[in-house]
Protein backbone atom coordinates (compact mmCIF):
# COMPACT_ATOMS: atom_id res chain seq x y z
CA MET A 1 4.73 -4.21 -18.48
CA GLY A 2 5.29 -7.60 -20.41
CA SER A 3 8.05 -10.37 -20.01
CA SER A 4 10.83 -8.09 -21.91
CA LYS A 5 14.13 -8.96 -20.86
CA PRO A 6 14.90 -6.14 -18.03
CA ARG A 7 17.52 -4.25 -19.87
CA ASN A 8 15.04 -3.91 -23.37
CA TRP A 9 12.67 -2.92 -20.76
CA ALA A 10 14.48 -0.16 -19.52
CA ASP A 11 15.50 0.72 -22.81
CA ASP A 12 12.12 0.98 -23.85
CA LYS A 13 11.66 3.39 -20.83
CA ALA A 14 14.50 5.76 -21.99
CA HIS A 15 12.27 8.45 -22.71
CA LYS A 16 10.03 8.36 -19.94
CA LEU A 17 13.24 8.44 -17.72
CA ARG A 18 14.41 11.60 -19.47
CA VAL A 19 10.90 12.99 -18.85
CA PHE A 20 11.39 12.21 -15.15
CA ALA A 21 14.57 13.63 -14.81
CA ARG A 22 14.03 17.29 -16.66
CA GLU A 23 10.83 17.84 -14.83
CA ILE A 24 10.28 15.76 -11.53
CA THR A 25 13.78 15.56 -9.96
CA GLN A 26 13.07 17.97 -7.64
CA ILE A 27 10.01 17.22 -6.32
CA THR A 28 11.47 13.25 -6.41
CA THR A 29 14.18 14.62 -3.86
CA ARG A 30 12.07 16.50 -1.69
CA SER A 31 9.65 13.38 -1.02
CA ARG A 32 12.56 10.96 -1.08
CA ASP A 33 14.18 12.56 1.88
CA VAL A 34 11.04 12.54 3.84
CA LEU A 35 9.58 9.21 2.92
CA LEU A 36 12.12 6.80 1.25
CA PRO A 37 15.20 8.07 3.15
CA GLY A 38 18.35 6.51 1.55
CA VAL A 39 17.04 5.63 -1.93
CA PRO A 40 18.19 7.03 -4.72
CA VAL A 41 16.15 9.05 -7.04
CA ALA A 42 17.32 7.17 -10.06
CA ALA A 43 15.60 3.83 -8.26
CA ILE A 44 12.56 5.55 -7.85
CA PHE A 45 12.16 6.88 -11.50
CA GLY A 46 13.04 3.05 -12.33
CA PHE A 47 9.65 2.29 -10.35
CA PHE A 48 7.88 5.19 -12.18
CA ALA A 49 9.09 3.98 -15.43
CA ASN A 50 6.39 1.58 -15.16
CA ASN A 51 3.40 3.87 -15.07
CA GLY A 52 3.55 7.57 -16.38
CA ILE A 53 2.74 10.85 -15.03
CA ASP A 54 -0.65 11.79 -15.22
CA GLU A 55 -1.59 8.46 -16.14
CA ASN A 56 -4.45 6.50 -14.66
CA THR A 57 -4.44 2.56 -15.38
CA THR A 58 -8.25 2.71 -16.16
CA GLY A 59 -8.18 5.12 -18.70
CA TRP A 60 -10.50 7.85 -16.47
CA LEU A 61 -9.98 11.18 -15.36
CA SER A 62 -12.72 11.33 -12.56
CA CYS A 63 -15.26 8.01 -13.73
CA SER A 64 -18.12 9.73 -12.40
CA ALA A 65 -21.50 9.14 -13.79
CA ARG A 66 -21.27 11.88 -16.33
CA GLU A 67 -18.28 11.24 -17.42
CA ARG A 68 -18.94 7.51 -17.85
CA GLU A 69 -21.99 8.27 -19.99
CA GLU A 70 -20.26 10.98 -22.28
CA ALA A 71 -17.74 8.15 -22.88
CA LEU A 72 -20.32 5.54 -23.77
CA VAL A 73 -21.51 7.98 -26.14
CA LYS A 74 -18.05 9.01 -27.88
CA GLY A 75 -16.64 5.18 -27.76
CA ARG A 76 -13.71 6.57 -25.56
CA LYS A 77 -12.36 7.16 -22.23
CA PRO A 78 -11.01 10.53 -21.27
CA LEU A 79 -7.27 9.00 -21.07
CA GLY A 80 -8.19 6.65 -24.03
CA GLY A 81 -9.27 3.16 -24.32
CA ASN A 82 -12.73 1.62 -25.05
CA PRO A 83 -15.29 2.32 -21.95
CA ARG A 84 -17.23 -0.91 -23.05
CA THR A 85 -14.31 -3.47 -23.49
CA GLY A 86 -10.68 -3.80 -21.72
CA TYR A 87 -9.18 -2.83 -18.22
CA GLY A 88 -11.48 -0.17 -17.29
CA ARG A 89 -14.59 -0.95 -18.75
CA VAL A 90 -17.41 0.85 -17.25
CA ASP A 91 -18.60 -2.91 -15.88
CA ALA A 92 -15.91 -3.91 -14.31
CA GLN A 93 -14.06 -3.39 -10.59
CA HIS A 94 -11.07 -2.69 -12.17
CA LEU A 95 -8.28 -0.61 -10.04
CA HIS A 96 -7.44 3.08 -10.36
CA GLU A 97 -3.73 3.22 -10.16
CA LEU A 98 -2.61 7.31 -10.75
CA GLY A 99 0.18 8.78 -11.35
CA PRO A 100 4.15 7.45 -11.90
CA GLY A 101 3.81 5.27 -8.96
CA GLY A 102 0.53 3.83 -9.47
CA VAL A 103 -1.15 4.99 -6.48
CA GLU A 104 -4.49 2.89 -5.87
CA GLY A 105 -7.20 5.39 -6.06
CA GLY A 106 -10.33 3.33 -5.84
CA HIS A 107 -12.14 0.79 -8.23
CA VAL A 108 -14.29 1.32 -11.32
CA PRO A 109 -17.52 2.33 -10.64
CA ASP A 110 -15.98 4.68 -7.52
CA GLU A 111 -14.89 8.24 -8.53
CA VAL A 112 -11.33 8.45 -8.77
CA ALA A 113 -9.19 9.14 -5.75
CA THR A 114 -12.50 9.52 -3.70
CA GLY A 115 -13.54 7.39 -0.53
CA ASP A 116 -11.28 4.95 1.39
CA CYS A 117 -8.15 4.15 -0.89
CA ALA A 118 -4.68 4.90 -0.73
CA TRP A 119 -4.69 7.96 -2.14
CA VAL A 120 -6.90 9.72 -0.14
CA ARG A 121 -4.98 8.07 2.96
CA GLY A 122 -1.63 9.52 1.40
CA ALA A 123 -2.87 13.13 0.82
CA ARG A 124 -4.35 13.50 4.32
CA SER A 125 -1.25 12.08 5.53
CA GLU A 126 1.34 13.77 7.67
CA GLY A 127 4.26 12.95 5.66
CA VAL A 128 2.94 14.30 2.22
CA ARG A 129 1.95 17.23 4.10
CA LYS A 130 5.38 17.66 4.85
CA VAL A 131 6.58 17.15 1.70
CA LEU A 132 4.15 20.02 0.17
CA ASP A 133 3.57 22.14 2.61
CA ARG A 134 -0.53 21.31 2.50
CA ALA A 135 -2.57 18.43 2.07
CA GLY A 136 -2.67 16.72 -1.19
CA VAL A 137 -5.23 17.13 -3.71
CA GLU A 138 -8.18 14.61 -3.87
CA GLY A 139 -10.75 13.67 -6.81
CA ARG A 140 -10.62 14.46 -10.11
CA ALA A 141 -8.01 17.54 -9.29
CA TRP A 142 -5.42 14.64 -9.14
CA HIS A 143 -4.74 14.77 -12.58
CA GLY A 144 -2.24 17.47 -13.38
CA ALA A 145 -1.16 18.03 -9.96
CA VAL A 146 2.31 16.46 -10.53
CA ASP A 147 3.89 17.17 -7.23
CA ASP A 148 1.16 15.16 -5.85
CA GLN A 149 1.02 12.35 -7.85
CA VAL A 150 5.09 12.12 -6.76
CA ALA A 151 4.78 12.89 -3.39
CA ILE A 152 1.49 10.64 -3.03
CA ALA A 153 3.31 7.36 -4.78
CA CYS A 154 6.20 7.99 -2.24
CA TRP A 155 4.43 7.86 0.94
CA ASN A 156 2.76 4.89 -0.81
CA LEU A 157 5.89 2.82 -0.97
CA ALA A 158 6.40 3.93 2.65
CA ARG A 159 2.98 2.27 3.26
CA HIS A 160 3.81 -1.05 1.49
CA SER A 161 7.03 -1.02 3.20
CA ARG A 162 5.33 -1.20 6.36
CA GLN A 163 2.99 -3.83 5.13
CA ILE A 164 4.78 -6.19 3.53
CA ASN A 165 7.57 -6.12 6.55
CA ALA A 166 4.85 -6.84 9.17
CA ARG A 167 4.40 -10.42 6.95
CA LEU A 168 7.63 -11.49 6.23
CA PRO A 169 9.44 -14.05 8.34
CA ALA A 170 11.44 -12.44 11.12
CA ALA A 171 14.69 -12.85 9.72
CA LEU A 172 13.94 -11.19 6.65
CA ARG A 173 12.35 -8.01 8.23
CA TRP A 174 13.97 -4.43 8.44
CA ASP A 175 13.78 -1.80 11.25
CA ASP A 176 10.91 0.32 9.89
CA ASP A 177 12.34 3.29 11.23
CA ALA A 178 15.96 2.80 10.37
CA LYS A 179 17.30 6.05 9.04
CA LEU A 180 18.04 4.75 5.43
CA TRP A 181 16.80 2.17 3.22
CA ASP A 182 18.83 -0.50 1.75
CA GLY A 183 18.19 -2.44 -1.55
CA TRP A 184 16.64 -5.57 -0.15
CA ARG A 185 13.75 -3.44 1.55
CA TRP A 186 13.54 -1.61 -1.93
CA PHE A 187 13.18 -4.49 -3.71
CA ALA A 188 10.47 -6.13 -1.23
CA THR A 189 8.65 -2.91 -1.12
CA MET A 190 8.23 -2.96 -4.79
CA SER A 191 7.10 -6.41 -5.03
CA SER A 192 4.04 -5.63 -2.15
CA TRP A 193 3.00 -2.90 -4.67
CA SER A 194 3.35 -5.07 -8.01
CA ALA A 195 2.13 -8.62 -6.75
CA GLY A 196 0.10 -7.51 -3.87
CA THR A 197 1.24 -7.88 0.22
CA GLY A 198 -0.04 -11.21 0.71
CA ARG A 199 1.07 -12.74 -2.61
CA ALA A 200 4.67 -10.82 -2.04
CA ASP A 201 4.96 -12.40 1.40
CA ALA A 202 4.39 -15.71 0.17
CA HIS A 203 7.04 -15.73 -2.71
CA PHE A 204 9.48 -14.49 0.05
CA GLU A 205 8.64 -16.90 2.43
CA ARG A 206 8.56 -19.74 0.26
CA TYR A 207 12.70 -19.32 0.35
CA ALA A 208 12.86 -17.84 3.75
CA ALA A 209 15.80 -19.75 5.04
CA LYS A 210 17.92 -19.47 2.06
CA LEU A 211 17.21 -15.74 1.48
CA ALA A 212 18.00 -15.33 5.46
CA ALA A 213 21.26 -17.15 5.13
CA ALA A 214 22.19 -14.32 2.31
CA ALA A 215 24.19 -11.68 2.51
CA SER A 216 21.98 -8.60 2.75
CA GLY A 217 23.47 -7.36 -0.45
CA HIS A 218 23.00 -10.91 -2.01
CA ARG A 219 19.67 -11.20 -1.20
CA VAL A 220 17.97 -9.93 -4.06
CA GLY A 221 20.01 -12.14 -6.29
CA GLU A 222 19.58 -14.66 -4.32
CA PHE A 223 15.31 -14.22 -4.76
CA LEU A 224 15.98 -13.74 -8.45
CA ARG A 225 18.07 -16.95 -8.88
CA LEU A 226 15.29 -19.03 -6.81
CA ALA A 227 12.49 -17.61 -8.31
CA ALA A 228 13.90 -18.61 -12.11
CA GLU A 229 14.20 -22.24 -11.36
CA VAL A 230 10.73 -22.95 -11.36
CA ASP A 231 7.82 -22.21 -14.11
CA ASP A 232 4.89 -21.63 -11.93
CA PRO A 233 1.46 -22.36 -12.99
CA GLY A 234 -1.40 -19.68 -12.26
CA ASN A 235 -2.28 -16.09 -11.98
CA ARG A 236 1.04 -13.95 -13.08
CA HIS A 237 1.15 -12.12 -9.91
CA ALA A 238 0.90 -15.65 -8.20
CA GLN A 239 3.97 -16.40 -9.68
CA ASP A 240 7.59 -15.56 -7.81
CA GLU A 241 9.15 -15.40 -11.12
CA TRP A 242 6.78 -12.76 -12.52
CA THR A 243 7.47 -10.80 -9.85
CA GLY A 244 11.25 -11.22 -9.86
CA LEU A 245 11.26 -10.02 -13.63
CA ARG A 246 9.00 -7.06 -12.65
CA GLY A 247 11.53 -6.12 -9.83
CA ALA A 248 14.20 -6.77 -12.18
CA GLN A 249 12.94 -4.55 -14.95
CA LYS A 250 12.50 -1.85 -12.19
CA LEU A 251 15.89 -2.38 -11.16
CA GLU A 252 17.33 -2.01 -14.75
CA GLY A 253 15.14 1.47 -15.22
CA GLY A 254 17.11 2.56 -12.08
CA ARG A 255 20.46 1.81 -13.32
CA ALA A 256 19.56 3.93 -16.65
CA ALA A 257 18.37 6.56 -14.49
CA VAL A 258 21.75 6.45 -12.77
CA ALA A 259 23.23 8.82 -15.82
CA LEU A 260 20.39 11.04 -15.91
CA THR A 261 20.58 12.00 -12.12
CA GLY A 262 23.90 12.06 -11.61
CA GLU A 263 24.12 9.93 -8.76
CA GLY A 264 26.77 7.92 -9.56
CA ALA A 265 28.41 4.62 -7.88
CA ALA A 266 26.47 5.05 -4.52
CA ALA A 267 23.16 4.64 -6.50
CA LEU A 268 24.17 1.80 -8.38
CA ALA A 269 25.74 0.01 -5.13
CA PHE A 270 22.03 0.52 -3.80
CA LEU A 271 20.91 -1.07 -7.01
CA ASP A 272 23.14 -4.09 -7.28
CA ASP A 273 21.01 -7.40 -6.96
CA GLY A 274 24.43 -9.48 -5.84
CA LEU A 275 23.92 -11.91 -9.26
CA GLY A 276 27.13 -10.69 -10.86
CA ALA A 277 28.18 -11.93 -13.78
CA ASP A 278 24.96 -14.59 -13.62
CA ARG A 279 22.81 -11.73 -14.35
CA ALA A 280 22.41 -12.23 -18.02
CA THR A 281 21.47 -16.03 -17.51
CA VAL A 282 19.28 -15.49 -14.60
CA TYR A 283 17.53 -12.80 -16.39
CA ALA A 284 17.07 -14.83 -19.12
CA ARG A 285 15.54 -17.75 -17.23
CA LEU A 286 13.14 -15.44 -15.67
CA VAL A 287 12.09 -14.18 -18.97
CA GLU A 288 11.48 -17.84 -19.98
CA ALA A 289 9.69 -18.74 -17.02
CA SER A 290 7.49 -16.05 -17.24
CA SER A 291 6.69 -15.83 -20.94
């Protein structure tokens, strides 16, 4: 994803956003209505722009023993990349992240979308069955199953929402059964997927008092301001500025998608972080601290 300025990142994803609007608006809307009520489709597309249809971060279709052996002979994994080096190599426990929502689908050398992983739990969930009128696919069948990729991605975001909410300080929590999501819940959920639930919780808890004092519509912006103030050491996902930048990039992707989905002012209001005229300055500091 890189430490690009959020608007530049969104501009770089313009083609993906157009593909989403053309090819998956209907299934995304249906999935949203069941699993993420109140979230604009444009916001979901902004999140999806980090990944892509039929993508797997490790480069494997199935990661079966036979597929790994063939890739070693050819020097190329089925979806691209050297099987001996880099992310997804055969001797590493790297995470399969599937489809536009980057759904956790097991680790190399486990076969993709099998066993006890988020993809399988989502595929078998009541929510996905409501969206698809059937269970989702599993195993190698994930590739090409675009409706399943979208529905399970939305289920997975709802799962991350419940997980991060259970760990947040009480003043920052939401009602899991609320009829409609708001922008703070959406940002915290994306952060849980991005950084991991435990690390995202630590980032928010660090500023709990100040975030709780902020108006709900300004809480995201307050977090971005605070995260931009200190350049933290260590792994990027352990840095709140990196989590802030990743979230800001996806919000900008969502704002760019509004023109494609036609959701208008209501979607832009949902995506408003409350930074106002300070947005460019805060974004610049986030980029600098994350570089």
